[in-house]
């Protein structure tokens, strides 16, 4: 426990840890973020990538977005147009 306290007190390390946590949270909730944005109208993969980048300052790959779209469609939650 002492080693963890010492390591986290370094502000640069703390910043890196917070950045990784932020990225992990966004990626874990990406499906919910997409579903929330779809309530306002249809979105393309490019629109999702742009939205995530502008809103959360995080670049996600097109593969991540399109595989998530496919999963949502397969589960009957969205429908491609």
Foldseek 3Di string as FASTA:
>chain_A
DVVVVVQCVPPVSVVVVVVVVLVVVCLVCVLVVVLVVCVVHDDDLVRSQVCCCVVSVDGDDSVSSVVSVVVCVVVVNDDDD
